[in-house]
């Protein structure tokens, strides 16, 4: 209470003109403070609204990209189903042996191994690994062209090294794959 008494005696001892000057100064300070608070509030609100709009536009763009990707995946899945339905009993090893005989490469093949693995998407992947020795680049390009022309086959991996036995020849390790429909056992 001592402080309040000191303030009251200070204000009573002031002249009227000085008192009004202090009151006007106090009111101007309050108005400036309130204006500053309102300005900060609206600037923050506008900034956050712009940020929300920007995030919404980015979200809409992402949704469009996802829908386009889903559409593309559905088209590719339909194309795969169409290719698989044309020849459901496709054997990658038989096709590859026939191709090697056609290109006269059977004697250059050293090893061949076929594996089949189940995938999560209702398909089985049949993979054929083959190794060739003393092959020319021309023979390799002819083999790759023939493999590329068959829509059932995809080349997964190819390793080319310089042959150690014969000069101007190469050793090739190639991995090709194909998809097969998953056989469901009831």
N, C-alpha and C. Protein backbone atom coordinates (compact mmCIF):
# COMPACT_ATOMS: atom_id res chain seq x y z
N UNK A 1 0.80 -1.19 0.00
CA UNK A 1 0.00 0.00 0.00
C UNK A 1 0.84 1.26 0.00
N UNK A 2 2.05 1.13 0.44
CA UNK A 2 2.92 2.29 0.49
C UNK A 2 3.19 2.80 -0.92
N UNK A 3 3.34 1.88 -1.86
CA UNK A 3 3.61 2.26 -3.24
C UNK A 3 2.41 3.00 -3.82
N UNK A 4 1.21 2.50 -3.58
CA UNK A 4 0.01 3.16 -4.09
C UNK A 4 -0.14 4.58 -3.49
N UNK A 5 0.20 4.71 -2.24
CA UNK A 5 0.14 6.04 -1.62
C UNK A 5 1.15 6.98 -2.27
N UNK A 6 2.33 6.51 -2.57
CA UNK A 6 3.35 7.33 -3.21
C UNK A 6 2.90 7.76 -4.60
N UNK A 7 2.27 6.83 -5.34
CA UNK A 7 1.78 7.16 -6.69
C UNK A 7 0.67 8.19 -6.60
N UNK A 8 -0.27 8.02 -5.64
CA UNK A 8 -1.37 8.97 -5.50
C UNK A 8 -0.85 10.35 -5.12
N UNK A 9 0.09 10.44 -4.22
CA UNK A 9 0.63 11.75 -3.83
C UNK A 9 1.40 12.36 -4.98
N UNK A 10 2.07 11.55 -5.79
CA UNK A 10 2.79 12.06 -6.96
C UNK A 10 1.81 12.66 -7.96
N UNK A 11 0.71 11.94 -8.22
CA UNK A 11 -0.28 12.43 -9.18
C UNK A 11 -1.02 13.67 -8.65
N UNK A 12 -1.26 13.76 -7.36
CA UNK A 12 -1.93 14.93 -6.79
C UNK A 12 -1.03 16.16 -6.84
N UNK A 13 0.25 15.98 -6.77
CA UNK A 13 1.19 17.09 -6.78
C UNK A 13 1.52 17.57 -8.19
N UNK A 14 1.08 16.82 -9.20
CA UNK A 14 1.35 17.22 -10.58
C UNK A 14 0.45 18.37 -10.98
N UNK A 15 0.97 19.15 -11.90
CA UNK A 15 0.13 20.19 -12.47
C UNK A 15 -0.83 19.54 -13.44
N UNK A 16 -1.90 20.21 -13.75
CA UNK A 16 -2.93 19.64 -14.62
C UNK A 16 -2.38 19.39 -16.02
N UNK A 17 -1.59 20.31 -16.55
CA UNK A 17 -1.02 20.18 -17.90
C UNK A 17 -0.06 18.99 -17.95
N UNK A 18 0.78 18.83 -16.98
CA UNK A 18 1.73 17.71 -16.92
C UNK A 18 0.97 16.39 -16.76
N UNK A 19 -0.12 16.44 -15.94
CA UNK A 19 -0.94 15.24 -15.75
C UNK A 19 -1.55 14.78 -17.08
N UNK A 20 -2.09 15.72 -17.85
CA UNK A 20 -2.69 15.38 -19.15
C UNK A 20 -1.62 14.90 -20.13
N UNK A 21 -0.44 15.44 -20.05
CA UNK A 21 0.67 14.98 -20.91
C UNK A 21 1.01 13.52 -20.58
N UNK A 22 1.08 13.21 -19.30
CA UNK A 22 1.36 11.82 -18.90
C UNK A 22 0.22 10.89 -19.35
N UNK A 23 -1.02 11.33 -19.19
CA UNK A 23 -2.17 10.51 -19.59
C UNK A 23 -2.14 10.28 -21.10
N UNK A 24 -1.89 11.32 -21.89
CA UNK A 24 -1.83 11.19 -23.35
C UNK A 24 -0.68 10.27 -23.74
N UNK A 25 0.46 10.42 -23.09
CA UNK A 25 1.60 9.55 -23.36
C UNK A 25 1.28 8.09 -23.05
N UNK A 26 0.60 7.90 -21.92
CA UNK A 26 0.20 6.55 -21.53
C UNK A 26 -0.78 5.96 -22.54
N UNK A 27 -1.77 6.74 -22.96
CA UNK A 27 -2.75 6.26 -23.94
C UNK A 27 -2.09 5.97 -25.30
N UNK A 28 -1.18 6.85 -25.72
CA UNK A 28 -0.46 6.62 -26.98
C UNK A 28 0.37 5.33 -26.87
N UNK A 29 1.00 5.12 -25.76
CA UNK A 29 1.77 3.88 -25.54
C UNK A 29 0.87 2.65 -25.61
N UNK A 30 -0.31 2.77 -24.97
CA UNK A 30 -1.25 1.63 -25.01
C UNK A 30 -1.75 1.36 -26.42
N UNK A 31 -2.08 2.45 -27.17
CA UNK A 31 -2.55 2.28 -28.54
C UNK A 31 -1.44 1.69 -29.41
N UNK A 32 -0.20 2.16 -29.26
CA UNK A 32 0.92 1.60 -30.03
C UNK A 32 1.14 0.12 -29.70
N UNK A 33 1.06 -0.21 -28.44
CA UNK A 33 1.23 -1.60 -28.02
C UNK A 33 0.12 -2.47 -28.59
N UNK A 34 -1.13 -1.98 -28.51
CA UNK A 34 -2.26 -2.74 -29.06
C UNK A 34 -2.11 -2.86 -30.58
N UNK A 35 -1.70 -1.79 -31.24
CA UNK A 35 -1.49 -1.83 -32.70
C UNK A 35 -0.40 -2.83 -33.07
N UNK A 36 0.66 -2.86 -32.29
CA UNK A 36 1.75 -3.80 -32.53
C UNK A 36 1.27 -5.24 -32.36
N UNK A 37 0.46 -5.47 -31.35
CA UNK A 37 -0.08 -6.82 -31.12
C UNK A 37 -1.00 -7.23 -32.27
N UNK A 38 -1.87 -6.32 -32.73
CA UNK A 38 -2.77 -6.61 -33.84
C UNK A 38 -1.98 -6.87 -35.12
N UNK A 39 -0.95 -6.03 -35.36
CA UNK A 39 -0.11 -6.21 -36.55
C UNK A 39 0.57 -7.57 -36.52
N UNK A 40 1.15 -7.94 -35.39
CA UNK A 40 1.82 -9.23 -35.27
C UNK A 40 0.83 -10.37 -35.48
N UNK A 41 -0.37 -10.25 -34.91
CA UNK A 41 -1.38 -11.29 -35.05
C UNK A 41 -1.76 -11.48 -36.52
N UNK A 42 -2.08 -10.38 -37.22
CA UNK A 42 -2.50 -10.50 -38.62
C UNK A 42 -1.37 -10.93 -39.54
N UNK A 43 -0.15 -10.46 -39.30
CA UNK A 43 0.96 -10.89 -40.14
C UNK A 43 1.24 -12.37 -39.94
N UNK A 44 1.15 -12.84 -38.70
CA UNK A 44 1.33 -14.28 -38.44
C UNK A 44 0.22 -15.09 -39.08
N UNK A 45 -1.01 -14.59 -38.99
CA UNK A 45 -2.15 -15.29 -39.58
C UNK A 45 -2.01 -15.38 -41.10
N UNK A 46 -1.64 -14.27 -41.73
CA UNK A 46 -1.47 -14.26 -43.19
C UNK A 46 -0.35 -15.20 -43.60
N UNK A 47 0.77 -15.17 -42.86
CA UNK A 47 1.89 -16.06 -43.16
C UNK A 47 1.47 -17.52 -43.06
N UNK A 48 0.74 -17.87 -42.01
CA UNK A 48 0.30 -19.26 -41.83
C UNK A 48 -0.72 -19.67 -42.89
N UNK A 49 -1.61 -18.75 -43.29
CA UNK A 49 -2.57 -19.06 -44.35
C UNK A 49 -1.85 -19.33 -45.67
N UNK A 50 -0.83 -18.53 -45.99
CA UNK A 50 -0.05 -18.76 -47.21
C UNK A 50 0.66 -20.11 -47.14
N UNK A 51 1.18 -20.43 -45.97
CA UNK A 51 1.86 -21.70 -45.80
C UNK A 51 0.89 -22.87 -45.97
N UNK A 52 -0.32 -22.72 -45.44
CA UNK A 52 -1.35 -23.76 -45.58
C UNK A 52 -1.72 -23.94 -47.05
N UNK A 53 -1.89 -22.83 -47.78
CA UNK A 53 -2.21 -22.92 -49.20
C UNK A 53 -1.10 -23.61 -49.98
N UNK A 54 0.14 -23.26 -49.64
CA UNK A 54 1.29 -23.87 -50.32
C UNK A 54 1.33 -25.38 -50.05
N UNK A 55 1.09 -25.78 -48.82
CA UNK A 55 1.09 -27.20 -48.46
C UNK A 55 -0.06 -27.91 -49.16
N UNK A 56 -1.22 -27.29 -49.23
CA UNK A 56 -2.36 -27.90 -49.91
C UNK A 56 -2.09 -28.08 -51.40
N UNK A 57 -1.47 -27.09 -52.03
CA UNK A 57 -1.12 -27.23 -53.45
C UNK A 57 -0.12 -28.36 -53.66
N UNK A 58 0.88 -28.44 -52.78
CA UNK A 58 1.86 -29.52 -52.88
C UNK A 58 1.19 -30.87 -52.67
N UNK A 59 0.26 -30.94 -51.74
CA UNK A 59 -0.46 -32.19 -51.48
C UNK A 59 -1.30 -32.59 -52.69
N UNK A 60 -1.98 -31.61 -53.30
CA UNK A 60 -2.78 -31.90 -54.49
C UNK A 60 -1.90 -32.37 -55.64
N UNK A 61 -0.73 -31.74 -55.79
CA UNK A 61 0.19 -32.17 -56.85
C UNK A 61 0.68 -33.59 -56.59
N UNK A 62 0.97 -33.90 -55.32
CA UNK A 62 1.42 -35.25 -54.97
C UNK A 62 0.33 -36.28 -55.24
N UNK A 63 -0.91 -35.90 -54.96
CA UNK A 63 -2.02 -36.82 -55.21
C UNK A 63 -2.14 -37.07 -56.72
N UNK A 64 -1.99 -36.02 -57.53
CA UNK A 64 -2.05 -36.19 -58.98
C UNK A 64 -0.95 -37.12 -59.47
N UNK A 65 0.26 -36.92 -58.94
CA UNK A 65 1.39 -37.78 -59.34
C UNK A 65 1.12 -39.22 -58.93
N UNK A 66 0.60 -39.42 -57.71
CA UNK A 66 0.31 -40.77 -57.25
C UNK A 66 -0.77 -41.43 -58.11
N UNK A 67 -1.80 -40.67 -58.47
CA UNK A 67 -2.87 -41.22 -59.32
C UNK A 67 -2.34 -41.56 -60.71
N UNK A 68 -1.49 -40.71 -61.26
CA UNK A 68 -0.90 -41.00 -62.57
C UNK A 68 -0.02 -42.24 -62.49
N UNK A 69 0.76 -42.35 -61.42
CA UNK A 69 1.63 -43.51 -61.24
C UNK A 69 0.79 -44.78 -61.08
N UNK A 70 -0.28 -44.69 -60.31
CA UNK A 70 -1.16 -45.85 -60.14
C UNK A 70 -1.79 -46.26 -61.46
N UNK A 71 -2.17 -45.28 -62.27
CA UNK A 71 -2.73 -45.58 -63.58
C UNK A 71 -1.70 -46.25 -64.48
N UNK A 72 -0.47 -45.73 -64.44
CA UNK A 72 0.61 -46.32 -65.24
C UNK A 72 0.91 -47.75 -64.79
N UNK A 73 0.92 -47.97 -63.48
CA UNK A 73 1.16 -49.32 -62.95
C UNK A 73 0.04 -50.26 -63.39
N UNK A 74 -1.19 -49.78 -63.36
CA UNK A 74 -2.33 -50.62 -63.79
C UNK A 74 -2.21 -50.97 -65.27
N UNK A 75 -1.79 -50.00 -66.08
CA UNK A 75 -1.60 -50.27 -67.51
C UNK A 75 -0.49 -51.29 -67.72
N UNK A 76 0.61 -51.11 -67.00
CA UNK A 76 1.73 -52.05 -67.13
C UNK A 76 1.33 -53.44 -66.64
N UNK A 77 0.56 -53.50 -65.57
CA UNK A 77 0.09 -54.79 -65.06
C UNK A 77 -0.81 -55.47 -66.10
N UNK A 78 -1.68 -54.69 -66.74
CA UNK A 78 -2.55 -55.25 -67.78
C UNK A 78 -1.72 -55.76 -68.96
N UNK A 79 -0.68 -55.00 -69.33
CA UNK A 79 0.19 -55.44 -70.42
C UNK A 79 0.91 -56.73 -70.06
N UNK A 80 1.37 -56.83 -68.82
CA UNK A 80 2.04 -58.06 -68.36
C UNK A 80 1.06 -59.23 -68.39
N UNK A 81 -0.15 -59.00 -67.91
CA UNK A 81 -1.16 -60.07 -67.92
C UNK A 81 -1.46 -60.51 -69.35
N UNK A 82 -1.51 -59.56 -70.28
CA UNK A 82 -1.78 -59.90 -71.68
C UNK A 82 -0.65 -60.75 -72.26
N UNK A 83 0.60 -60.35 -71.98
CA UNK A 83 1.75 -61.11 -72.47
C UNK A 83 1.77 -62.51 -71.85
N UNK A 84 1.47 -62.60 -70.56
CA UNK A 84 1.47 -63.91 -69.88
C UNK A 84 0.35 -64.81 -70.39
N UNK A 85 -0.77 -64.21 -70.74
CA UNK A 85 -1.90 -65.03 -71.20
C UNK A 85 -1.67 -65.61 -72.60
N UNK A 86 -0.79 -64.99 -73.39
CA UNK A 86 -0.52 -65.50 -74.74
C UNK A 86 0.19 -66.85 -74.71
N UNK A 87 1.09 -67.02 -73.75
CA UNK A 87 1.85 -68.26 -73.66
C UNK A 87 2.03 -68.62 -72.18
N UNK A 88 1.02 -69.24 -71.55
CA UNK A 88 1.11 -69.51 -70.11
C UNK A 88 2.14 -70.59 -69.75
N UNK A 89 2.52 -71.42 -70.70
CA UNK A 89 3.48 -72.50 -70.43
C UNK A 89 4.87 -72.17 -70.94
N UNK A 90 5.24 -70.90 -70.95
CA UNK A 90 6.54 -70.46 -71.45
C UNK A 90 7.65 -71.00 -70.56
N UNK A 91 8.65 -71.60 -71.18
CA UNK A 91 9.82 -72.12 -70.47
C UNK A 91 11.04 -71.35 -70.94
N UNK A 92 11.67 -70.64 -70.03
CA UNK A 92 12.80 -69.79 -70.39
C UNK A 92 14.00 -70.63 -70.85
N UNK A 93 14.22 -71.78 -70.23
CA UNK A 93 15.36 -72.62 -70.61
C UNK A 93 15.18 -73.16 -72.02
N UNK A 94 13.98 -73.62 -72.35
CA UNK A 94 13.73 -74.14 -73.70
C UNK A 94 13.87 -73.04 -74.75
N UNK A 95 13.34 -71.86 -74.46
CA UNK A 95 13.47 -70.75 -75.39
C UNK A 95 14.93 -70.40 -75.60
N UNK A 96 15.70 -70.35 -74.51
CA UNK A 96 17.10 -69.96 -74.59
C UNK A 96 17.91 -70.98 -75.39
N UNK A 97 17.65 -72.28 -75.18
CA UNK A 97 18.37 -73.31 -75.95
C UNK A 97 18.05 -73.20 -77.43
N UNK A 98 16.78 -72.97 -77.75
CA UNK A 98 16.38 -72.80 -79.15
C UNK A 98 17.07 -71.59 -79.76
N UNK A 99 17.16 -70.51 -79.01
CA UNK A 99 17.81 -69.29 -79.49
C UNK A 99 19.30 -69.52 -79.72
N UNK A 100 19.95 -70.25 -78.82
CA UNK A 100 21.39 -70.52 -78.99
C UNK A 100 21.64 -71.38 -80.21
N UNK A 101 20.77 -72.34 -80.48
CA UNK A 101 20.92 -73.18 -81.68
C UNK A 101 20.72 -72.32 -82.92
N UNK A 102 19.73 -71.44 -82.90
CA UNK A 102 19.45 -70.56 -84.03
C UNK A 102 20.64 -69.64 -84.34
N UNK A 103 21.31 -69.14 -83.29
CA UNK A 103 22.45 -68.22 -83.47
C UNK A 103 23.80 -68.94 -83.51
N UNK A 104 23.80 -70.26 -83.50
CA UNK A 104 25.03 -71.07 -83.50
C UNK A 104 25.95 -70.71 -82.33
N UNK A 105 25.37 -70.59 -81.15
CA UNK A 105 26.15 -70.25 -79.96
C UNK A 105 26.16 -71.38 -78.92
N UNK A 106 25.54 -72.51 -79.24
CA UNK A 106 25.43 -73.60 -78.28
C UNK A 106 26.80 -74.11 -77.83
N UNK A 107 27.77 -74.16 -78.74
CA UNK A 107 29.08 -74.69 -78.37
C UNK A 107 29.88 -73.69 -77.53
N UNK A 108 29.48 -72.42 -77.50
CA UNK A 108 30.20 -71.41 -76.73
C UNK A 108 29.66 -71.28 -75.31
N UNK A 109 28.53 -71.93 -75.05
CA UNK A 109 27.95 -71.88 -73.71
C UNK A 109 28.69 -72.86 -72.81
N UNK A 110 29.12 -72.36 -71.66
CA UNK A 110 29.86 -73.18 -70.71
C UNK A 110 28.95 -73.69 -69.61
N UNK A 111 28.10 -72.83 -69.09
CA UNK A 111 27.23 -73.22 -67.98
C UNK A 111 25.87 -72.52 -68.11
N UNK A 112 24.85 -73.20 -67.58
CA UNK A 112 23.50 -72.64 -67.59
C UNK A 112 22.78 -73.14 -66.35
N UNK A 113 22.10 -72.20 -65.67
CA UNK A 113 21.38 -72.56 -64.45
C UNK A 113 20.06 -71.78 -64.42
N UNK A 114 18.99 -72.48 -64.10
CA UNK A 114 17.68 -71.85 -64.03
C UNK A 114 17.14 -71.96 -62.60
N UNK A 115 16.64 -70.83 -62.08
CA UNK A 115 16.02 -70.82 -60.75
C UNK A 115 14.66 -70.13 -60.84
N UNK A 116 13.77 -70.53 -59.97
CA UNK A 116 12.44 -69.92 -59.93
C UNK A 116 12.16 -69.49 -58.50
N UNK A 117 11.69 -68.24 -58.36
CA UNK A 117 11.35 -67.72 -57.04
C UNK A 117 9.95 -67.11 -57.09
N UNK A 118 9.23 -67.29 -56.00
CA UNK A 118 7.90 -66.69 -55.89
C UNK A 118 8.04 -65.23 -55.47
N UNK A 119 7.21 -64.39 -56.07
CA UNK A 119 7.19 -62.98 -55.72
C UNK A 119 5.91 -62.68 -54.93
N UNK A 120 5.84 -61.50 -54.38
CA UNK A 120 4.69 -61.12 -53.57
C UNK A 120 3.49 -60.73 -54.41
N UNK A 121 3.68 -60.44 -55.69
CA UNK A 121 2.61 -59.88 -56.52
C UNK A 121 1.96 -60.91 -57.45
N UNK A 122 1.74 -62.12 -56.95
CA UNK A 122 1.06 -63.19 -57.69
C UNK A 122 1.81 -63.64 -58.94
N UNK A 123 3.09 -63.51 -58.95
CA UNK A 123 3.91 -63.97 -60.07
C UNK A 123 5.07 -64.79 -59.52
N UNK A 124 5.61 -65.61 -60.40
CA UNK A 124 6.87 -66.29 -60.12
C UNK A 124 7.88 -65.74 -61.10
N UNK A 125 9.10 -65.60 -60.66
CA UNK A 125 10.16 -65.10 -61.53
C UNK A 125 11.10 -66.26 -61.84
N UNK A 126 11.22 -66.55 -63.12
CA UNK A 126 12.14 -67.60 -63.56
C UNK A 126 13.39 -66.90 -64.09
N UNK A 127 14.53 -67.28 -63.52
CA UNK A 127 15.80 -66.62 -63.85
C UNK A 127 16.76 -67.64 -64.44
N UNK A 128 17.39 -67.25 -65.54
CA UNK A 128 18.36 -68.13 -66.19
C UNK A 128 19.71 -67.43 -66.20
N UNK A 129 20.72 -68.11 -65.66
CA UNK A 129 22.10 -67.61 -65.67
C UNK A 129 22.89 -68.45 -66.66
N UNK A 130 23.55 -67.79 -67.59
CA UNK A 130 24.33 -68.50 -68.59
C UNK A 130 25.73 -67.88 -68.68
N UNK A 131 26.71 -68.74 -68.97
CA UNK A 131 28.08 -68.27 -69.10
C UNK A 131 28.61 -68.74 -70.45
N UNK A 132 29.24 -67.81 -71.16
CA UNK A 132 29.80 -68.10 -72.49
C UNK A 132 31.29 -67.78 -72.49
N UNK A 133 32.03 -68.55 -73.30
CA UNK A 133 33.46 -68.29 -73.49
C UNK A 133 33.74 -68.17 -74.97
N UNK A 134 34.80 -67.45 -75.29
CA UNK A 134 35.29 -67.27 -76.67
C UNK A 134 34.19 -66.73 -77.59
N UNK A 135 33.49 -65.73 -77.13
CA UNK A 135 32.41 -65.12 -77.89
C UNK A 135 32.91 -63.83 -78.52
N UNK A 136 32.39 -63.49 -79.69
CA UNK A 136 32.75 -62.21 -80.31
C UNK A 136 31.68 -61.18 -79.94
N UNK A 137 32.02 -59.92 -80.11
CA UNK A 137 31.05 -58.86 -79.81
C UNK A 137 29.86 -58.94 -80.76
N UNK A 138 30.10 -59.36 -81.98
CA UNK A 138 29.01 -59.49 -82.95
C UNK A 138 28.00 -60.54 -82.47
N UNK A 139 28.52 -61.66 -81.99
CA UNK A 139 27.63 -62.72 -81.50
C UNK A 139 26.85 -62.26 -80.26
N UNK A 140 27.52 -61.50 -79.40
CA UNK A 140 26.85 -60.99 -78.21
C UNK A 140 25.74 -60.01 -78.60
N UNK A 141 26.01 -59.11 -79.53
CA UNK A 141 24.98 -58.15 -79.93
C UNK A 141 23.80 -58.85 -80.60
N UNK A 142 24.07 -59.88 -81.40
CA UNK A 142 22.98 -60.63 -82.02
C UNK A 142 22.12 -61.32 -80.95
N UNK A 143 22.79 -61.89 -79.95
CA UNK A 143 22.06 -62.54 -78.85
C UNK A 143 21.21 -61.53 -78.10
N UNK A 144 21.77 -60.38 -77.77
CA UNK A 144 21.03 -59.36 -77.03
C UNK A 144 19.86 -58.81 -77.85
N UNK A 145 20.05 -58.66 -79.16
CA UNK A 145 18.95 -58.19 -80.01
C UNK A 145 17.81 -59.20 -80.02
N UNK A 146 18.13 -60.46 -80.12
CA UNK A 146 17.09 -61.49 -80.12
C UNK A 146 16.36 -61.53 -78.78
N UNK A 147 17.11 -61.39 -77.69
CA UNK A 147 16.48 -61.37 -76.37
C UNK A 147 15.58 -60.15 -76.22
N UNK A 148 16.00 -59.02 -76.74
CA UNK A 148 15.22 -57.78 -76.63
C UNK A 148 13.92 -57.86 -77.42
N UNK A 149 13.92 -58.62 -78.49
CA UNK A 149 12.73 -58.70 -79.33
C UNK A 149 11.62 -59.54 -78.69
N UNK A 150 11.97 -60.38 -77.75
CA UNK A 150 10.97 -61.19 -77.07
C UNK A 150 10.45 -60.42 -75.85
N UNK A 151 9.16 -60.11 -75.85
CA UNK A 151 8.60 -59.31 -74.76
C UNK A 151 8.50 -60.09 -73.45
N UNK A 152 8.65 -61.39 -73.49
CA UNK A 152 8.60 -62.20 -72.27
C UNK A 152 9.91 -62.17 -71.49
N UNK A 153 10.99 -61.79 -72.15
CA UNK A 153 12.32 -61.86 -71.57
C UNK A 153 12.82 -60.46 -71.21
N UNK A 154 13.47 -60.35 -70.07
CA UNK A 154 14.18 -59.11 -69.73
C UNK A 154 15.59 -59.48 -69.30
N UNK A 155 16.53 -58.69 -69.73
CA UNK A 155 17.93 -58.92 -69.36
C UNK A 155 18.16 -58.23 -68.02
N UNK A 156 18.51 -59.03 -67.04
CA UNK A 156 18.67 -58.49 -65.68
C UNK A 156 20.10 -58.03 -65.43
N UNK A 157 21.05 -58.82 -65.93
CA UNK A 157 22.45 -58.51 -65.63
C UNK A 157 23.32 -59.09 -66.74
N UNK A 158 24.37 -58.36 -67.07
CA UNK A 158 25.33 -58.88 -68.04
C UNK A 158 26.73 -58.43 -67.62
N UNK A 159 27.66 -59.39 -67.64
CA UNK A 159 29.06 -59.10 -67.30
C UNK A 159 29.91 -59.55 -68.47
N UNK A 160 30.74 -58.64 -68.94
CA UNK A 160 31.59 -58.93 -70.09
C UNK A 160 33.04 -58.75 -69.64
N UNK A 161 33.85 -59.79 -69.89
CA UNK A 161 35.28 -59.70 -69.56
C UNK A 161 36.08 -60.19 -70.76
N UNK A 162 37.29 -59.73 -70.84
CA UNK A 162 38.18 -60.14 -71.91
C UNK A 162 38.57 -61.61 -71.71
N UNK A 163 38.53 -62.38 -72.80
CA UNK A 163 38.85 -63.81 -72.72
C UNK A 163 40.34 -64.00 -72.44
N UNK A 164 40.63 -65.00 -71.64
CA UNK A 164 42.02 -65.28 -71.28
C UNK A 164 42.67 -66.26 -72.25
N UNK A 165 41.87 -67.11 -72.88
CA UNK A 165 42.41 -68.16 -73.74
C UNK A 165 42.64 -67.66 -75.17
N UNK A 166 41.61 -67.10 -75.75
CA UNK A 166 41.66 -66.69 -77.15
C UNK A 166 41.70 -65.18 -77.25
N UNK A 167 42.62 -64.62 -78.06
CA UNK A 167 42.65 -63.17 -78.20
C UNK A 167 41.44 -62.68 -79.02
N UNK A 168 41.05 -61.45 -78.78
CA UNK A 168 39.94 -60.80 -79.48
C UNK A 168 38.59 -61.48 -79.26
N UNK A 169 38.46 -62.15 -78.13
CA UNK A 169 37.16 -62.74 -77.77
C UNK A 169 36.83 -62.30 -76.34
N UNK A 170 35.60 -62.56 -75.97
CA UNK A 170 35.14 -62.15 -74.64
C UNK A 170 34.46 -63.31 -73.93
N UNK A 171 34.42 -63.19 -72.60
CA UNK A 171 33.64 -64.11 -71.78
C UNK A 171 32.43 -63.32 -71.28
N UNK A 172 31.27 -63.95 -71.33
CA UNK A 172 30.03 -63.26 -70.99
C UNK A 172 29.27 -64.07 -69.96
N UNK A 173 28.80 -63.38 -68.92
CA UNK A 173 27.86 -63.96 -67.98
C UNK A 173 26.59 -63.12 -68.09
N UNK A 174 25.49 -63.79 -68.41
CA UNK A 174 24.24 -63.08 -68.63
C UNK A 174 23.14 -63.69 -67.76
N UNK A 175 22.30 -62.83 -67.22
CA UNK A 175 21.15 -63.27 -66.43
C UNK A 175 19.91 -62.69 -67.09
N UNK A 176 19.00 -63.58 -67.48
CA UNK A 176 17.73 -63.14 -68.06
C UNK A 176 16.60 -63.67 -67.21
N UNK A 177 15.49 -62.94 -67.20
CA UNK A 177 14.35 -63.34 -66.37
C UNK A 177 13.06 -63.27 -67.17
N UNK A 178 12.09 -63.98 -66.67
CA UNK A 178 10.73 -63.88 -67.20
C UNK A 178 9.75 -64.06 -66.05
N UNK A 179 8.56 -63.52 -66.21
CA UNK A 179 7.53 -63.69 -65.21
C UNK A 179 6.60 -64.81 -65.62
N UNK A 180 6.15 -65.56 -64.64
CA UNK A 180 5.19 -66.64 -64.87
C UNK A 180 4.04 -66.45 -63.89
N UNK A 181 2.83 -66.83 -64.28
CA UNK A 181 1.74 -66.73 -63.32
C UNK A 181 1.99 -67.71 -62.16
N UNK A 182 1.65 -67.28 -60.98
CA UNK A 182 1.85 -68.13 -59.79
C UNK A 182 0.83 -69.26 -59.82
N UNK A 183 1.33 -70.46 -59.61
CA UNK A 183 0.46 -71.63 -59.58
C UNK A 183 -0.12 -71.74 -58.18
N UNK A 184 -1.44 -71.71 -58.11
CA UNK A 184 -2.09 -71.79 -56.80
C UNK A 184 -2.48 -73.24 -56.52
N UNK A 185 -2.06 -73.71 -55.36
CA UNK A 185 -2.36 -75.09 -54.96
C UNK A 185 -3.53 -75.03 -53.99
N UNK A 186 -4.61 -75.73 -54.35
CA UNK A 186 -5.80 -75.72 -53.48
C UNK A 186 -5.87 -76.95 -52.62
